[in-house]
Every structure is written in C-alpha cells, then in structure tokens.
Amino acid sequence: MSNEVRVRFAPSPTGVLHIGGVRTALYNYLFAKKHGGKFILRIEDTDQTRFVEGAEQYIKDAMAWCGIQIDEGTDQGGEYAPYKQSERKDLYKKYAQQMINEGTAYYAFDTAEELDEMRETLKAAKANSLNYNSITRNTMKNSLTLSAEEVQERLDSGAPYVIRIKVPAKEDIRLNDMIRGWVNVHTSTMDDKVLMKSDGMPTYHLANVVDDYLMKITHVIRGEEWLPSAPLHVLLYRYLGWEASMPQFAHLPLLLKPDGNGKLSKRDAAKHGFPIFPMEWKITEEDAALKGFKEEGYLSEAFVNFLALLGWNPGTENEIFSLEELIEAFTIERVSKAGAKFDIDKAIWFNQQYLRKMSPSALASLLIEQTKAAGIACDNNKAIAIAELLQERIDYTPELLSKGKYFFESPTEYVDKVVRKKWNETAEAVFNTFSTEIVDQSLQADDFQKKLEQAVEAHDTKVGMVMQILRVAITGEAGGPDLMKIMEVLGTNEVADRIKKATNAFEQTANNE
C-alpha cells in the first residue's frame, strides 16, 4: 500500500470489553502490522452519562494481556493527540458549525415531548418511517422551518438544541466494503441523525469521522453493527469535503451464540458458565465478577489464536499460530461475511495445545505463583517435577495446583469404591512391607518400582492387584500420572506416612461394613 496504513480501535469506556471488541482490536492490529502500519487506541468517551470508572484502564490492560501493542494512544501520545474524545470537543463544534454554515446541518430545538408527539402522529398515520428525516423535519422546530431571527433569539437565550445532519431526500449512498463488497443505501431510509447533543458533546457519528480524518486513518475495521451507520459516515465525509481521503471500510461478522442463533451475549456466558471477556471484571467489591479468560486459566497466546479464527481463516489446515505468524498470514479478504459461532470447546482445545507446548520450567513458574498465593511452600525443582507430570493432564493453568494438590497435602478422603473393592489382607501386607523397605531412603521412580515389585512378590501377588489401592492411599484419587514419579516427588518418608494413615482409614472402612 502506497500510504502508511493507520487503523484505530476506538472503544467506549462504558463497561467491560466484550470478546467481540477484543477481536475487532486484534484484526485491526494484525492488519496494521501486516502492512507495516500503526495501531491507534482512541477512547470514545462522548457518552458521559454511561461512563464507568475503571473501564478505560480495563481496555488497556486487556490489550496488554493479548500482546496488542499500541503505537499511539492516551498513554503513548502521538502526533495527533489528544486521543480521548472528551478532550477534543472544540474540534467537533468547529466542524459542526462549518456544516451549519454550508447548509448540510441544522439546529433543532424540539423537546422530547414534541419528538414523541411526532412519532405518535406518524404511527397513527401508519407511516413507513417514524424518523426525523427529509419529510418530517419540515414540520418540526428547527433552523430550516424557523426564521433566522427566531433561530438567533433561541440561541442567544440559551434554549437547548441539537445539531442534525441534513440528509438529502432522494439519493443513493454507495460504499465498497472490503469484506461485503458494494453497499447501496437510499437516503429515504435514513434519518437526520444528531451530530451534536444538547450537552455540547458530539455523537459517535460526527466525532469518529472527524477524528478518523484528522488522525489520517486509512482503514476503518469495525463490527457489523456499525454497517447501517456507514452510509451516514460517507455522507459526512462528503459534506465536510473529505470524500477523496475517506478511509476504506471493513465490517466484521458478528460473534454468534454457540448454537448459531443470535448474537453472543453476557447472558449466554452466564447460562453456560464460560467466559466471554478477556479479563475478570467487577465494578465494586460487592459485585459478582464477570468471568475472564485470563483468570479462568487461559494462556493469552491461546486466547488470541482462538479469537483470530473466529471469523477469519488462513486458507490452510494449520490452526496453531503465534501472534507473529498471525500477522504474517492475516488478510482482510479471508474474513468471513457470515457470523462466527462461539465454541468454548475449541477455546479449551487451543489452551490445551499451548499448555502442551510450554516448557516445564515455564509451567513451574505459574505453579510457584499459585502456591505462593495459597501460602504453600514449593521450590523450583519440585515445581518443575510436578509440571512435567501434570502437563498432559490440565486444560487450564489453575489446575496445576488444583489437580496437583496431593503433592502438597496428604489426602483426607479416599475413593470409597476402590477401597471396598481392592483393600484386603494381601494389600495390607504389601503396604506394610513396601513402607518398611522405603523409609529413610532416597529413591528415584525406578527404585520405588523395584521395591514395590519385591513387596508383591514376597506376598505371592502381582503389582496390578495393589497398584490402584496404593495410588488411592498416596493421592486420594483413582487415576493420575505415573505413581512411581509421584512418589519420587513426595519422598520416601512422606509416602510411608501416607501409607500408614491410609491403612488406618481403610481398616475403619472395612470394620464398618
């Protein structure tokens, strides 16, 4: 591309960042980096009534967790600062006034009651549209129907007003979307949208067009929900004299419910118990937290890989991509028009793949963080040994501790079904011989195996007859990683103590029958 590619992600800090917003940011980032361009984070905080404290920082933290590096933004600065719309109000007023002076926008003084009355009248007349448009504006209180003197008098008196765009009555507005091809909308279906609100703040429509132009944005990649507004934005570029430098548009497909019926929502996540937010979110300590992929135990690389393939495909059989590989492979042409079904099982699969690829030392670092938080002592060598044993058995990072709890504490409960089936005099005799032979020694997994084989041979039985009940005695569980390696991590005296404790518990179970 001849000009430097400049894209922006422009979220509103009105709440938690939905996974769909993260995907929009990711696609913008991948597109920019693929073409050697810039990724800009712009905060669109013009809706002051819905502003949520902490939401802006949450957005930035989510970007950082995903590895999306911001080239220009509120923290990074840049040539086109400020990057927060509430700090750019005077700019929007200037361009709104320009449109009024040129007759492409107008003042509207209608009250909320008058607007309701207009809609009720149209509804009673069974009108095709209830909008404030090229027909209805002629019956309302605005600078198109009032005299210049009356308009000025209202302005001077401080009467509340909004500024609306003057949409032409009978025109076709066309744009060539990079994903959807040509989009054609007749202006009879459009309304005279508000550009400046009565509080002096711009609406999204004016602010985003002005900012995109002034920040030299070359491509606007955003969600499908903004497609109906695109013709209005094209019209704004035309009215402001910027049509020749208008960015290219690409409207991304929706993220759908797991069954494909409708847009993915917070309600779906709550119903099915899966996260749809990158990170945990709660407004106050009293609020119930909304689940985040990070806190649920997903690796950021796995989350990004999963997210990238929700609506885009590389055209190959390969599914595993690092962020750098995604940048290399990404093309807007391979983004689908159709909505993408959210599949939490696929997200889990990606997390499994990335966990399997991690080095045991990296997993050990995560385990040490978890044990520290839980007040449990665990040195690095032990953590690495545990990580090696559990790596193929975990789906999420917190399972390093939850599934490996028996490495740190003796079981207090045992699998009753196994105890009743496998505990007998022979098993008890093997236990006693085995524990006696290992105490106060330093043994490796192979040594434990030999000691166990010797113990079962001494009592004329086989290893398979006692292996499961021995596992239950040591771990409290009926299955798991290599038991000999588990015992190597625990050490001989701890194993012997656990066998003694379990033997007493098993005897009580047998006596109670």
Protein backbone atom coordinates (compact mmCIF):
# COMPACT_ATOMS: atom_id res chain seq x y z
CA MET A 1 0.00 0.00 0.00
CA SER A 2 1.41 3.36 -1.05
CA ASN A 3 0.37 5.38 2.04
CA GLU A 4 1.18 4.32 5.59
CA VAL A 5 -1.60 2.13 6.93
CA ARG A 6 -3.19 3.66 10.03
CA VAL A 7 -6.00 1.87 11.86
CA ARG A 8 -7.71 2.58 15.12
CA PHE A 9 -9.58 0.72 17.82
CA ALA A 10 -12.00 3.17 19.38
CA PRO A 11 -13.88 1.64 22.33
CA SER A 12 -16.23 3.46 24.65
CA PRO A 13 -15.41 3.21 28.38
CA THR A 14 -19.00 2.40 29.30
CA GLY A 15 -18.36 -1.06 30.70
CA VAL A 16 -16.46 -4.29 30.26
CA LEU A 17 -14.78 -5.05 26.93
CA HIS A 18 -16.67 -7.90 25.23
CA ILE A 19 -14.77 -10.57 23.32
CA GLY A 20 -16.17 -9.11 20.09
CA GLY A 21 -14.43 -5.83 20.85
CA VAL A 22 -11.17 -7.64 21.53
CA ARG A 23 -11.46 -9.40 18.17
CA THR A 24 -12.00 -6.04 16.45
CA ALA A 25 -8.87 -4.70 18.12
CA LEU A 26 -6.93 -7.84 17.16
CA TYR A 27 -7.94 -7.69 13.48
CA ASN A 28 -7.02 -4.02 13.33
CA TYR A 29 -3.67 -4.77 14.90
CA LEU A 30 -2.94 -7.72 12.59
CA PHE A 31 -3.88 -5.68 9.53
CA ALA A 32 -1.71 -2.73 10.57
CA LYS A 33 1.34 -4.83 11.36
CA LYS A 34 0.94 -6.93 8.21
CA HIS A 35 1.29 -3.72 6.20
CA GLY A 36 3.93 -2.06 8.38
CA GLY A 37 1.40 0.43 9.70
CA LYS A 38 0.27 1.96 13.00
CA PHE A 39 -2.33 0.78 15.51
CA ILE A 40 -4.04 3.61 17.40
CA LEU A 41 -6.13 3.30 20.57
CA ARG A 42 -8.66 6.12 20.78
CA ILE A 43 -11.06 6.42 23.70
CA GLU A 44 -14.53 7.49 22.56
CA ASP A 45 -15.93 8.84 25.82
CA THR A 46 -18.51 11.25 24.44
CA ASP A 47 -21.36 9.45 26.23
CA GLN A 48 -20.71 10.87 29.69
CA THR A 49 -23.98 9.53 31.10
CA ARG A 50 -22.80 5.92 30.66
CA PHE A 51 -19.16 6.40 31.65
CA VAL A 52 -17.90 3.65 34.01
CA GLU A 53 -14.94 4.22 36.30
CA GLY A 54 -12.13 1.79 35.58
CA ALA A 55 -13.40 0.76 32.15
CA GLU A 56 -10.70 2.65 30.26
CA GLN A 57 -7.90 1.01 32.25
CA TYR A 58 -9.56 -2.37 31.78
CA ILE A 59 -9.43 -1.84 27.99
CA LYS A 60 -5.71 -1.03 28.15
CA ASP A 61 -4.95 -3.96 30.44
CA ALA A 62 -6.82 -6.31 28.11
CA MET A 63 -4.83 -5.06 25.11
CA ALA A 64 -1.58 -5.59 27.02
CA TRP A 65 -2.56 -9.13 28.10
CA CYS A 66 -3.31 -10.04 24.47
CA GLY A 67 0.05 -8.71 23.31
CA ILE A 68 -1.56 -5.96 21.21
CA GLN A 69 0.96 -3.15 21.24
CA ILE A 70 -0.41 0.37 20.90
CA ASP A 71 1.56 2.77 18.70
CA GLU A 72 -0.43 5.91 19.54
CA GLY A 73 -2.91 6.49 22.34
CA THR A 74 -3.72 8.26 25.58
CA ASP A 75 -0.67 6.77 27.32
CA GLN A 76 1.72 6.62 24.36
CA GLY A 77 0.90 10.05 22.95
CA GLY A 78 1.44 10.76 19.29
CA GLU A 79 1.32 13.37 16.57
CA TYR A 80 -2.48 13.57 16.61
CA ALA A 81 -3.10 13.86 20.36
CA PRO A 82 -5.24 14.07 22.35
CA TYR A 83 -6.59 10.56 21.85
CA LYS A 84 -9.59 10.93 24.14
CA GLN A 85 -12.69 12.47 22.56
CA SER A 86 -13.78 14.36 25.66
CA GLU A 87 -10.56 16.40 25.25
CA ARG A 88 -11.35 17.24 21.61
CA LYS A 89 -14.77 18.91 22.00
CA ASP A 90 -13.81 22.19 20.37
CA LEU A 91 -12.79 20.37 17.19
CA TYR A 92 -16.22 18.83 16.78
CA LYS A 93 -18.00 22.13 17.38
CA LYS A 94 -15.87 23.71 14.67
CA TYR A 95 -16.86 21.16 12.04
CA ALA A 96 -20.50 21.06 13.11
CA GLN A 97 -20.59 24.83 12.70
CA GLN A 98 -18.97 24.51 9.28
CA MET A 99 -21.78 22.18 8.20
CA ILE A 100 -24.43 24.58 9.51
CA ASN A 101 -22.81 27.46 7.62
CA GLU A 102 -22.77 25.37 4.45
CA GLY A 103 -26.37 24.17 4.85
CA THR A 104 -25.58 20.48 5.36
CA ALA A 105 -26.60 20.52 9.03
CA TYR A 106 -29.12 22.49 11.09
CA TYR A 107 -30.15 23.42 14.62
CA ALA A 108 -33.12 21.50 16.03
CA PHE A 109 -34.93 22.87 19.10
CA ASP A 110 -37.56 20.14 19.51
CA THR A 111 -38.30 18.97 23.02
CA ALA A 112 -38.51 15.30 23.98
CA GLU A 113 -42.29 15.66 24.22
CA GLU A 114 -42.50 17.14 20.73
CA LEU A 115 -40.41 14.31 19.32
CA ASP A 116 -42.69 11.75 20.99
CA GLU A 117 -45.74 13.53 19.60
CA MET A 118 -44.23 13.43 16.09
CA ARG A 119 -43.68 9.68 16.35
CA GLU A 120 -47.20 9.06 17.66
CA THR A 121 -48.66 11.07 14.77
CA LEU A 122 -46.64 9.09 12.25
CA LYS A 123 -47.59 5.82 13.92
CA ALA A 124 -51.30 6.73 13.78
CA ALA A 125 -50.92 7.58 10.10
CA LYS A 126 -49.26 4.18 9.55
CA ALA A 127 -46.20 5.90 8.09
CA ASN A 128 -43.37 3.72 6.77
CA SER A 129 -40.88 5.54 8.96
CA LEU A 130 -41.03 7.22 12.37
CA ASN A 131 -37.74 9.02 11.80
CA TYR A 132 -36.80 12.67 11.90
CA ASN A 133 -35.99 12.91 8.19
CA SER A 134 -36.31 14.89 4.97
CA ILE A 135 -40.09 14.81 5.27
CA THR A 136 -40.78 15.23 8.99
CA ARG A 137 -38.14 17.91 9.57
CA ASN A 138 -40.35 20.37 7.70
CA THR A 139 -42.98 20.12 10.46
CA MET A 140 -40.59 20.47 13.41
CA LYS A 141 -38.90 23.34 15.26
CA ASN A 142 -35.52 23.74 13.61
CA SER A 143 -33.46 26.26 11.73
CA LEU A 144 -34.97 25.04 8.45
CA THR A 145 -38.51 25.99 9.50
CA LEU A 146 -37.91 28.94 11.84
CA SER A 147 -36.85 32.38 10.70
CA ALA A 148 -33.21 33.38 11.04
CA GLU A 149 -34.22 35.92 13.70
CA GLU A 150 -36.08 33.34 15.76
CA VAL A 151 -33.21 30.89 15.49
CA GLN A 152 -30.74 33.50 16.69
CA GLU A 153 -33.05 34.52 19.51
CA ARG A 154 -33.27 30.92 20.72
CA LEU A 155 -29.50 30.52 20.52
CA ASP A 156 -28.89 33.77 22.40
CA SER A 157 -31.36 32.82 25.14
CA GLY A 158 -29.59 29.53 25.78
CA ALA A 159 -32.50 27.39 24.61
CA PRO A 160 -31.45 23.75 24.39
CA TYR A 161 -30.78 22.40 20.91
CA VAL A 162 -29.08 19.65 18.98
CA ILE A 163 -27.37 19.80 15.61
CA ARG A 164 -28.68 17.37 12.99
CA ILE A 165 -27.26 16.37 9.61
CA LYS A 166 -29.43 17.31 6.64
CA VAL A 167 -29.76 14.06 4.71
CA PRO A 168 -30.71 14.60 1.05
CA ALA A 169 -34.19 13.39 0.11
CA LYS A 170 -33.57 11.18 -2.92
CA GLU A 171 -30.03 9.90 -3.36
CA ASP A 172 -28.15 6.62 -3.35
CA ILE A 173 -25.21 6.40 -0.96
CA ARG A 174 -22.66 3.77 -2.03
CA LEU A 175 -19.57 2.37 -0.39
CA ASN A 176 -17.31 -0.53 -1.28
CA ASP A 177 -16.81 -2.58 1.88
CA MET A 178 -13.60 -4.64 1.92
CA ILE A 179 -15.48 -7.68 3.24
CA ARG A 180 -19.01 -7.26 1.87
CA GLY A 181 -18.45 -5.59 -1.46
CA TRP A 182 -20.67 -2.77 -2.66
CA VAL A 183 -23.30 -1.50 -0.21
CA ASN A 184 -26.04 0.75 -1.60
CA VAL A 185 -28.49 2.66 0.63
CA HIS A 186 -31.19 5.09 -0.49
CA THR A 187 -31.44 8.22 1.63
CA SER A 188 -35.20 7.78 2.01
CA THR A 189 -34.37 5.06 4.56
CA MET A 190 -32.02 7.32 6.54
CA ASP A 191 -32.82 9.87 9.25
CA ASP A 192 -31.27 13.21 10.14
CA LYS A 193 -29.02 11.89 12.89
CA VAL A 194 -27.96 14.12 15.74
CA LEU A 195 -24.33 15.23 15.35
CA MET A 196 -24.02 17.42 18.46
CA LYS A 197 -26.05 16.68 21.58
CA SER A 198 -27.67 19.26 23.84
CA ASP A 199 -24.83 18.84 26.38
CA GLY A 200 -22.34 20.09 23.78
CA MET A 201 -20.81 16.66 23.22
CA PRO A 202 -20.68 15.12 19.75
CA THR A 203 -22.38 11.87 18.89
CA TYR A 204 -20.31 8.91 17.73
CA HIS A 205 -21.11 9.72 14.09
CA LEU A 206 -19.54 13.16 13.94
CA ALA A 207 -16.72 12.51 16.39
CA ASN A 208 -15.45 9.33 14.76
CA VAL A 209 -15.49 10.84 11.25
CA VAL A 210 -13.69 14.00 12.35
CA ASP A 211 -11.12 12.04 14.36
CA ASP A 212 -10.54 9.47 11.64
CA TYR A 213 -9.88 12.24 9.15
CA LEU A 214 -7.64 14.31 11.39
CA MET A 215 -5.71 11.24 12.56
CA LYS A 216 -5.25 10.12 8.94
CA ILE A 217 -6.93 6.76 9.49
CA THR A 218 -6.70 4.77 6.27
CA HIS A 219 -8.89 1.77 7.13
CA VAL A 220 -11.89 1.54 9.45
CA ILE A 221 -12.24 -2.09 10.57
CA ARG A 222 -15.16 -2.43 12.95
CA GLY A 223 -18.12 -4.62 13.91
CA GLU A 224 -21.05 -5.42 11.67
CA GLU A 225 -23.36 -3.45 13.98
CA TRP A 226 -21.89 -0.26 12.50
CA LEU A 227 -22.71 -1.18 8.90
CA PRO A 228 -26.11 0.62 8.95
CA SER A 229 -24.28 3.81 10.01
CA ALA A 230 -21.67 3.59 7.26
CA PRO A 231 -23.77 5.49 4.61
CA LEU A 232 -24.23 8.32 7.09
CA HIS A 233 -20.46 8.45 7.63
CA VAL A 234 -19.88 8.50 3.87
CA LEU A 235 -22.26 11.45 3.68
CA LEU A 236 -20.37 13.23 6.47
CA TYR A 237 -17.09 12.80 4.59
CA ARG A 238 -18.74 14.27 1.52
CA TYR A 239 -20.28 17.22 3.37
CA LEU A 240 -17.00 18.05 5.11
CA GLY A 241 -15.09 17.95 1.82
CA TRP A 242 -13.06 14.87 2.75
CA GLU A 243 -14.56 12.22 0.48
CA ALA A 244 -11.37 11.89 -1.57
CA SER A 245 -9.40 10.84 1.53
CA MET A 246 -12.15 8.74 3.10
CA PRO A 247 -10.82 5.53 4.69
CA GLN A 248 -11.71 2.11 3.37
CA PHE A 249 -14.36 0.32 5.42
CA ALA A 250 -14.45 -3.32 6.55
CA HIS A 251 -17.35 -4.52 8.71
CA LEU A 252 -16.56 -7.69 10.65
CA PRO A 253 -19.05 -10.55 11.12
CA LEU A 254 -20.94 -10.99 14.36
CA LEU A 255 -19.89 -13.43 17.05
CA LEU A 256 -22.84 -15.77 17.48
CA LYS A 257 -24.19 -17.91 20.31
CA PRO A 258 -22.82 -21.48 20.44
CA ASP A 259 -25.93 -22.75 18.60
CA GLY A 260 -25.60 -20.01 15.99
CA ASN A 261 -28.96 -18.44 16.82
CA GLY A 262 -28.30 -14.78 17.57
CA LYS A 263 -25.53 -12.58 18.83
CA LEU A 264 -23.31 -13.84 21.66
CA SER A 265 -24.23 -12.10 24.92
CA LYS A 266 -23.33 -11.86 28.57
CA ARG A 267 -26.47 -13.84 29.33
CA ASP A 268 -25.21 -16.77 27.23
CA ALA A 269 -21.92 -16.77 29.14
CA ALA A 270 -23.72 -16.77 32.49
CA LYS A 271 -26.11 -19.51 31.38
CA HIS A 272 -23.42 -21.87 30.12
CA GLY A 273 -20.67 -20.92 32.58
CA PHE A 274 -18.00 -19.82 30.12
CA PRO A 275 -16.12 -16.51 29.86
CA ILE A 276 -16.68 -14.01 27.05
CA PHE A 277 -14.46 -11.28 28.47
CA PRO A 278 -10.66 -11.23 28.22
CA MET A 279 -10.20 -10.50 31.91
CA GLU A 280 -12.34 -10.63 35.02
CA TRP A 281 -14.49 -7.55 35.61
CA LYS A 282 -16.47 -6.20 38.51
CA ILE A 283 -17.33 -2.61 39.28
CA THR A 284 -17.24 -2.87 43.09
CA GLU A 285 -16.07 -5.49 45.58
CA GLU A 286 -19.72 -6.28 46.30
CA ASP A 287 -20.49 -7.11 42.66
CA ALA A 288 -20.32 -10.63 41.31
CA ALA A 289 -17.31 -10.85 39.00
CA LEU A 290 -17.82 -11.49 35.30
CA LYS A 291 -15.56 -14.35 34.25
CA GLY A 292 -12.41 -13.56 32.31
CA PHE A 293 -10.37 -15.89 30.10
CA LYS A 294 -7.20 -14.85 31.95
CA GLU A 295 -8.48 -15.71 35.42
CA GLU A 296 -10.13 -18.91 34.20
CA GLY A 297 -6.67 -20.14 33.27
CA TYR A 298 -6.32 -19.49 29.55
CA LEU A 299 -2.93 -18.51 28.20
CA SER A 300 -3.04 -15.22 26.35
CA GLU A 301 -1.41 -16.80 23.27
CA ALA A 302 -4.10 -19.49 23.15
CA PHE A 303 -6.87 -16.92 23.60
CA VAL A 304 -5.53 -14.76 20.77
CA ASN A 305 -5.12 -17.78 18.47
CA PHE A 306 -8.69 -18.89 19.21
CA LEU A 307 -10.06 -15.40 18.71
CA ALA A 308 -8.27 -14.83 15.41
CA LEU A 309 -10.01 -17.84 13.87
CA LEU A 310 -13.49 -16.65 14.90
CA GLY A 311 -14.41 -15.12 11.56
CA TRP A 312 -11.12 -15.46 9.68
CA ASN A 313 -9.41 -18.48 8.19
CA PRO A 314 -5.87 -18.78 6.85
CA GLY A 315 -6.84 -20.91 3.88
CA THR A 316 -4.73 -23.82 5.15
CA GLU A 317 -5.21 -26.77 7.51
CA ASN A 318 -2.97 -25.13 10.10
CA GLU A 319 -4.74 -23.83 13.21
CA ILE A 320 -1.88 -23.02 15.57
CA PHE A 321 -0.42 -19.53 15.05
CA SER A 322 1.77 -17.35 17.20
CA LEU A 323 0.96 -13.64 17.13
CA GLU A 324 3.85 -13.09 14.71
CA GLU A 325 2.55 -15.87 12.46
CA LEU A 326 -0.94 -14.39 12.56
CA ILE A 327 0.46 -11.05 11.41
CA GLU A 328 2.18 -12.77 8.50
CA ALA A 329 -0.88 -14.81 7.50
CA PHE A 330 -3.69 -12.31 8.07
CA THR A 331 -5.59 -10.87 5.12
CA ILE A 332 -8.86 -8.97 5.28
CA GLU A 333 -10.03 -10.85 2.19
CA ARG A 334 -10.26 -14.07 4.18
CA VAL A 335 -12.55 -12.58 6.81
CA SER A 336 -16.00 -14.13 6.50
CA LYS A 337 -19.23 -12.23 5.89
CA ALA A 338 -21.20 -14.78 7.91
CA GLY A 339 -21.32 -14.74 11.69
CA ALA A 340 -18.90 -16.96 13.61
CA LYS A 341 -20.27 -19.39 16.22
CA PHE A 342 -18.57 -19.16 19.59
CA ASP A 343 -17.26 -22.60 20.55
CA ILE A 344 -15.87 -22.82 24.09
CA ASP A 345 -14.71 -26.40 23.47
CA LYS A 346 -12.46 -25.07 20.71
CA ALA A 347 -11.11 -22.44 23.08
CA ILE A 348 -10.27 -25.19 25.57
CA TRP A 349 -8.58 -27.19 22.81
CA PHE A 350 -6.37 -24.24 21.90
CA ASN A 351 -5.43 -23.79 25.55
CA GLN A 352 -4.52 -27.46 25.79
CA GLN A 353 -2.27 -27.19 22.74
CA TYR A 354 -0.40 -24.21 24.15
CA LEU A 355 -0.06 -25.77 27.59
CA ARG A 356 1.43 -28.89 25.99
CA LYS A 357 3.98 -26.76 24.13
CA MET A 358 5.18 -24.86 27.21
CA SER A 359 8.46 -25.76 28.85
CA PRO A 360 8.15 -27.43 32.27
CA SER A 361 10.12 -24.54 33.77
CA ALA A 362 7.58 -22.02 32.42
CA LEU A 363 4.72 -24.07 33.83
CA ALA A 364 6.64 -24.38 37.09
CA SER A 365 6.78 -20.59 37.35
CA LEU A 366 2.99 -20.47 37.09
CA LEU A 367 2.68 -23.16 39.76
CA ILE A 368 5.02 -21.29 42.12
CA GLU A 369 2.85 -18.16 41.71
CA GLN A 370 -0.19 -20.23 42.66
CA THR A 371 1.45 -21.88 45.67
CA LYS A 372 2.73 -18.52 46.95
CA ALA A 373 -0.78 -17.08 46.70
CA ALA A 374 -2.10 -20.09 48.63
CA GLY A 375 0.64 -19.87 51.28
CA ILE A 376 2.18 -23.20 50.25
CA ALA A 377 5.93 -23.82 50.13
CA CYS A 378 7.24 -25.15 46.83
CA ASP A 379 10.78 -24.92 45.50
CA ASN A 380 11.62 -24.69 41.81
CA ASN A 381 12.82 -28.29 41.41
CA LYS A 382 9.64 -29.67 42.91
CA ALA A 383 7.53 -27.33 40.78
CA ILE A 384 9.28 -28.48 37.58
CA ALA A 385 8.76 -32.14 38.51
CA ILE A 386 5.06 -31.55 39.17
CA ALA A 387 4.68 -29.57 35.94
CA GLU A 388 6.21 -32.43 33.94
CA LEU A 389 3.75 -34.90 35.45
CA LEU A 390 0.64 -32.75 35.01
CA GLN A 391 1.38 -31.03 31.68
CA GLU A 392 -0.60 -33.53 29.60
CA ARG A 393 -3.49 -33.60 32.07
CA ILE A 394 -4.51 -29.99 32.50
CA ASP A 395 -6.80 -27.76 30.44
CA TYR A 396 -6.25 -24.53 32.43
CA THR A 397 -3.33 -23.10 34.37
CA PRO A 398 -5.04 -23.14 37.83
CA GLU A 399 -5.28 -26.93 37.50
CA LEU A 400 -1.55 -27.15 38.17
CA LEU A 401 -2.43 -26.61 41.82
CA SER A 402 -6.00 -27.93 41.94
CA LYS A 403 -5.15 -31.22 40.19
CA GLY A 404 -1.80 -31.46 41.95
CA LYS A 405 -2.99 -30.74 45.48
CA TYR A 406 -1.83 -34.20 46.65
CA PHE A 407 1.77 -33.10 46.06
CA PHE A 408 1.38 -30.66 48.94
CA GLU A 409 -1.03 -32.30 51.36
CA SER A 410 -1.90 -35.82 52.38
CA PRO A 411 -5.37 -36.91 51.24
CA THR A 412 -8.18 -36.73 53.78
CA GLU A 413 -10.68 -38.61 51.64
CA TYR A 414 -10.30 -41.76 49.57
CA VAL A 415 -12.20 -43.22 46.65
CA ASP A 416 -14.62 -45.43 48.54
CA LYS A 417 -15.42 -47.68 45.59
CA VAL A 418 -11.76 -48.57 45.10
CA VAL A 419 -11.17 -49.11 48.81
CA ARG A 420 -14.08 -51.53 49.11
CA LYS A 421 -13.02 -53.46 46.03
CA LYS A 422 -9.23 -53.54 46.39
CA TRP A 423 -8.47 -53.42 50.10
CA ASN A 424 -7.77 -56.85 51.58
CA GLU A 425 -5.26 -58.70 53.74
CA THR A 426 -2.84 -59.17 50.86
CA ALA A 427 -2.88 -55.45 50.01
CA GLU A 428 -2.32 -54.62 53.68
CA ALA A 429 0.64 -56.98 53.85
CA VAL A 430 2.19 -55.48 50.70
CA PHE A 431 1.69 -51.98 52.10
CA ASN A 432 3.47 -52.88 55.34
CA THR A 433 6.42 -54.49 53.56
CA PHE A 434 6.72 -51.71 50.98
CA SER A 435 6.59 -48.85 53.50
CA THR A 436 9.14 -50.56 55.74
CA GLU A 437 11.56 -51.05 52.84
CA ILE A 438 11.45 -47.42 51.62
CA VAL A 439 11.57 -45.42 54.84
CA ASP A 440 14.60 -43.14 55.40
CA GLN A 441 15.94 -43.73 51.89
CA SER A 442 16.49 -41.56 48.84
CA LEU A 443 14.77 -43.27 45.93
CA GLN A 444 14.04 -42.49 42.29
CA ALA A 445 10.93 -43.67 40.43
CA ASP A 446 12.69 -46.84 39.21
CA ASP A 447 13.74 -47.66 42.77
CA PHE A 448 10.15 -47.32 44.02
CA GLN A 449 9.08 -49.67 41.23
CA LYS A 450 11.63 -52.30 42.25
CA LYS A 451 10.69 -52.03 45.93
CA LEU A 452 7.02 -52.48 45.05
CA GLU A 453 7.76 -55.48 42.83
CA GLN A 454 9.75 -57.07 45.64
CA ALA A 455 6.93 -56.46 48.12
CA VAL A 456 4.23 -58.03 45.92
CA GLU A 457 6.50 -60.97 45.11
CA ALA A 458 7.04 -61.57 48.81
CA HIS A 459 3.29 -61.92 49.28
CA ASP A 460 2.68 -64.01 46.16
CA THR A 461 0.61 -61.45 44.28
CA LYS A 462 1.03 -59.08 41.34
CA VAL A 463 1.63 -55.33 41.06
CA GLY A 464 -1.66 -54.86 39.21
CA MET A 465 -3.58 -56.20 42.20
CA VAL A 466 -2.38 -53.42 44.52
CA MET A 467 -1.44 -50.54 42.20
CA GLN A 468 -4.80 -48.74 42.26
CA ILE A 469 -5.33 -49.03 46.02
CA LEU A 470 -1.74 -47.81 46.53
CA ARG A 471 -2.48 -44.81 44.31
CA VAL A 472 -5.59 -44.04 46.36
CA ALA A 473 -3.53 -44.28 49.54
CA ILE A 474 -0.89 -41.86 48.25
CA THR A 475 -3.04 -39.36 46.32
CA GLY A 476 -6.64 -39.97 47.34
CA GLU A 477 -7.51 -40.43 43.66
CA ALA A 478 -8.14 -43.47 41.46
CA GLY A 479 -6.16 -42.22 38.46
CA GLY A 480 -3.41 -39.80 37.54
CA PRO A 481 0.20 -39.52 36.39
CA ASP A 482 2.89 -42.16 36.88
CA LEU A 483 2.58 -43.17 40.54
CA MET A 484 6.28 -44.00 40.91
CA LYS A 485 7.20 -40.49 39.78
CA ILE A 486 4.63 -39.02 42.15
CA MET A 487 6.29 -40.91 45.00
CA GLU A 488 9.72 -39.69 43.85
CA VAL A 489 8.48 -36.09 44.20
CA LEU A 490 6.94 -36.77 47.61
CA GLY A 491 9.93 -38.62 49.07
CA THR A 492 10.11 -41.92 50.92
CA ASN A 493 9.14 -40.77 54.41
CA GLU A 494 6.09 -38.85 53.18
CA VAL A 495 4.99 -41.88 51.15
CA ALA A 496 5.44 -44.16 54.16
CA ASP A 497 3.44 -41.79 56.39
CA ARG A 498 0.62 -41.63 53.86
CA ILE A 499 0.50 -45.43 53.56
CA LYS A 500 0.23 -45.72 57.35
CA LYS A 501 -2.53 -43.10 57.50
CA ALA A 502 -4.43 -44.73 54.63
CA THR A 503 -4.09 -48.20 56.13
CA ASN A 504 -5.82 -46.99 59.30
CA ALA A 505 -8.58 -45.33 57.26
CA PHE A 506 -9.07 -48.41 55.09
CA GLU A 507 -9.29 -50.66 58.15
CA GLN A 508 -12.01 -48.46 59.62
CA THR A 509 -13.95 -48.71 56.36
CA ALA A 510 -13.59 -52.50 56.40
CA ASN A 511 -14.66 -52.73 60.06
CA ASN A 512 -17.76 -50.60 59.43
CA GLU A 513 -19.08 -52.97 56.78
